[in-house]
Protein backbone atom coordinates (compact mmCIF):
# COMPACT_ATOMS: atom_id res chain seq x y z
CA MET A 1 -18.74 -22.52 -5.18
CA THR A 2 -15.52 -22.12 -6.53
CA ALA A 3 -14.42 -19.49 -9.02
CA LYS A 4 -12.76 -20.11 -12.01
CA ALA A 5 -10.79 -17.91 -14.60
CA GLY A 6 -12.78 -16.42 -17.03
CA VAL A 7 -15.95 -16.94 -15.48
CA SER A 8 -18.36 -14.08 -15.24
CA ALA A 9 -19.52 -12.46 -11.79
CA ALA A 10 -22.85 -13.13 -10.61
CA PRO A 11 -25.48 -11.52 -12.76
CA ASP A 12 -27.70 -10.33 -9.88
CA LEU A 13 -25.09 -7.71 -8.96
CA GLY A 14 -25.85 -5.63 -12.15
CA THR A 15 -23.55 -2.90 -13.67
CA LEU A 16 -24.13 0.00 -11.43
CA HIS A 17 -21.54 -1.07 -9.04
CA ARG A 18 -18.01 0.00 -10.56
CA PHE A 19 -15.46 -1.03 -8.29
CA HIS A 20 -12.21 0.95 -8.69
CA GLY A 21 -10.05 1.12 -5.88
CA VAL A 22 -9.38 -0.19 -2.40
CA GLN A 23 -7.98 2.06 0.36
CA PRO A 24 -6.58 0.02 3.23
CA VAL A 25 -6.57 1.81 6.79
CA LEU A 26 -3.52 1.06 8.66
CA PRO A 27 -3.65 1.64 12.52
CA VAL A 28 -0.60 3.81 13.56
CA SER A 29 0.84 4.94 16.97
CA ASP A 30 1.42 8.56 15.66
CA VAL A 31 -0.45 9.78 12.33
CA THR A 32 1.57 12.70 11.99
CA ARG A 33 4.80 10.79 12.14
CA ALA A 34 3.66 7.99 9.79
CA ALA A 35 2.42 10.53 7.16
CA ARG A 36 5.63 12.22 7.16
CA TRP A 37 7.59 8.74 6.76
CA PHE A 38 5.46 7.74 3.70
CA ARG A 39 6.19 11.15 2.18
CA ASP A 40 9.55 11.48 3.22
CA VAL A 41 10.94 8.14 2.83
CA LEU A 42 8.51 6.38 0.44
CA GLY A 43 7.68 9.46 -1.69
CA PHE A 44 3.95 9.37 -1.33
CA GLU A 45 2.09 12.82 -1.16
CA LEU A 46 -0.07 13.98 2.07
CA ASP A 47 -3.59 13.78 0.52
CA PHE A 48 -5.01 15.12 3.89
CA ILE A 49 -4.57 14.99 7.77
CA ALA A 50 -7.59 15.56 9.91
CA GLY A 51 -8.46 16.19 13.44
CA GLU A 52 -6.87 18.41 16.22
CA PRO A 53 -4.67 16.78 17.13
CA PRO A 54 -3.94 14.97 13.84
CA SER A 55 -5.72 11.55 14.25
CA TYR A 56 -6.56 10.31 10.62
CA ALA A 57 -4.62 11.07 7.31
CA ARG A 58 -4.46 9.60 3.90
CA VAL A 59 -1.35 9.41 1.73
CA LYS A 60 -1.48 8.90 -2.07
CA LYS A 61 1.11 7.65 -4.84
CA GLY A 62 0.26 8.10 -8.53
CA ASP A 63 -1.71 10.67 -10.58
CA GLY A 64 -4.21 8.37 -12.19
CA SER A 65 -2.27 8.22 -15.48
CA HIS A 66 -1.23 4.67 -15.23
CA GLY A 67 -4.28 3.38 -13.51
CA ASP A 68 -5.84 4.24 -10.01
CA PRO A 69 -3.67 5.88 -7.65
CA VAL A 70 -2.73 4.08 -4.58
CA TYR A 71 -4.22 5.59 -1.42
CA LEU A 72 -3.33 4.39 2.20
CA ARG A 73 -5.16 5.64 5.28
CA LEU A 74 -3.51 6.16 8.45
CA TRP A 75 -5.46 5.82 11.66
CA GLN A 76 -4.25 6.89 14.96
CA CYS A 77 -4.96 4.63 17.72
CA ASN A 78 -3.89 3.48 21.24
CA VAL A 79 -0.15 2.15 20.87
CA ARG A 80 -1.56 -0.94 22.31
CA ASP A 81 -3.95 -1.38 19.33
CA ALA A 82 -1.68 -0.02 16.65
CA GLY A 83 0.19 -3.33 16.31
CA PRO A 84 0.96 -4.45 12.61
CA TRP A 85 -2.04 -5.75 10.54
CA ARG A 86 -1.49 -9.45 10.02
CA GLY A 87 -2.03 -9.29 6.08
CA GLU A 88 -0.02 -7.32 3.67
CA ILE A 89 -0.58 -4.94 1.19
CA VAL A 90 0.37 -5.49 -2.36
CA ILE A 91 1.38 -2.24 -4.23
CA CYS A 92 1.51 -2.46 -7.97
CA VAL A 93 4.30 -0.12 -9.47
CA GLY A 94 4.26 -0.77 -13.11
CA ASN A 95 7.82 -1.06 -13.74
CA ASP A 96 11.51 -0.67 -12.62
CA ILE A 97 11.03 -2.57 -9.44
CA ASP A 98 14.56 -3.01 -8.90
CA GLY A 99 15.49 0.68 -9.09
CA LEU A 100 12.56 1.24 -6.59
CA HIS A 101 13.96 -1.19 -4.11
CA ALA A 102 17.61 0.38 -4.63
CA ALA A 103 16.24 3.71 -3.89
CA TYR A 104 14.50 2.42 -0.59
CA VAL A 105 17.72 0.80 0.53
CA LYS A 106 19.65 4.11 0.32
CA ARG A 107 16.83 5.82 2.12
CA GLY A 108 17.18 3.07 4.90
CA VAL A 109 13.94 1.36 4.58
CA ALA A 110 13.66 -2.05 6.47
CA ILE A 111 13.76 -4.53 3.58
CA VAL A 112 12.02 -7.77 4.69
CA GLU A 113 12.61 -9.49 1.12
CA PRO A 114 14.74 -8.46 -1.67
CA PRO A 115 13.22 -8.64 -5.33
CA VAL A 116 12.52 -12.04 -6.41
CA SER A 117 10.84 -13.15 -9.68
CA HIS A 118 7.78 -15.45 -8.94
CA PRO A 119 6.19 -18.10 -11.50
CA TRP A 120 3.02 -16.05 -11.43
CA GLY A 121 4.87 -13.56 -13.52
CA LEU A 122 5.37 -10.71 -10.77
CA ARG A 123 8.78 -9.50 -9.45
CA GLU A 124 8.37 -8.30 -5.80
CA PHE A 125 9.97 -6.95 -2.89
CA ALA A 126 8.68 -6.56 0.81
CA ILE A 127 9.45 -3.76 3.46
CA ARG A 128 8.30 -3.20 6.98
CA GLU A 129 7.17 0.57 7.94
CA PRO A 130 7.97 1.84 11.22
CA ASP A 131 4.40 0.66 12.94
CA GLY A 132 5.30 -2.87 11.48
CA HIS A 133 2.96 -3.22 8.54
CA LEU A 134 4.24 -5.32 5.73
CA LEU A 135 4.06 -3.58 2.53
CA ARG A 136 4.68 -5.47 -0.86
CA PHE A 137 5.79 -3.87 -3.95
CA ALA A 138 5.24 -5.63 -7.22
CA ALA A 139 5.67 -5.21 -11.21
CA GLU A 140 5.35 -7.55 -13.96
CA ALA A 141 8.54 -9.51 -14.37
C-alpha cells in the first residue's frame, strides 16, 4: 500500500489518538556532560536529569508558542553502546536559519553541512554533537 498526499489516515484508528510530538532518545556516554552541552552550546533548557549518579535527562527548546517544544532525551549507556545513532534528527526552527548557523559556528559547534536551500522548500544545516549524533536544523526557505 502506498500513501498519497491528501489521502486520509485509516478510519479504524478513530479520533482518540492525538499524536503531538516525538521525543528521540539519544544514547550518550555521559548524561551530565551531554545535558550541559545542549544547554550551554545549543541553548536548550535542562528539563530534568534523573538518577544518582545521573543516567537519564531531557532537554527542551521552545515554549509551545510556535508549535510543540522540541524535546531530546539523553540516555547514559556503556561507552561502547553510546555510538551515534544511524539516523538523523530534524529540528524545525521556524525562521532565521542562517542566524542560528552563525551563532553555532561562533560557539564552535561541529558543522557537518552549511545552510543550503532544497527544492522541497526547506533551508537546512547539519551539526554533529559530541557523542556523534547528527542534528539537522530546518526552516522554510
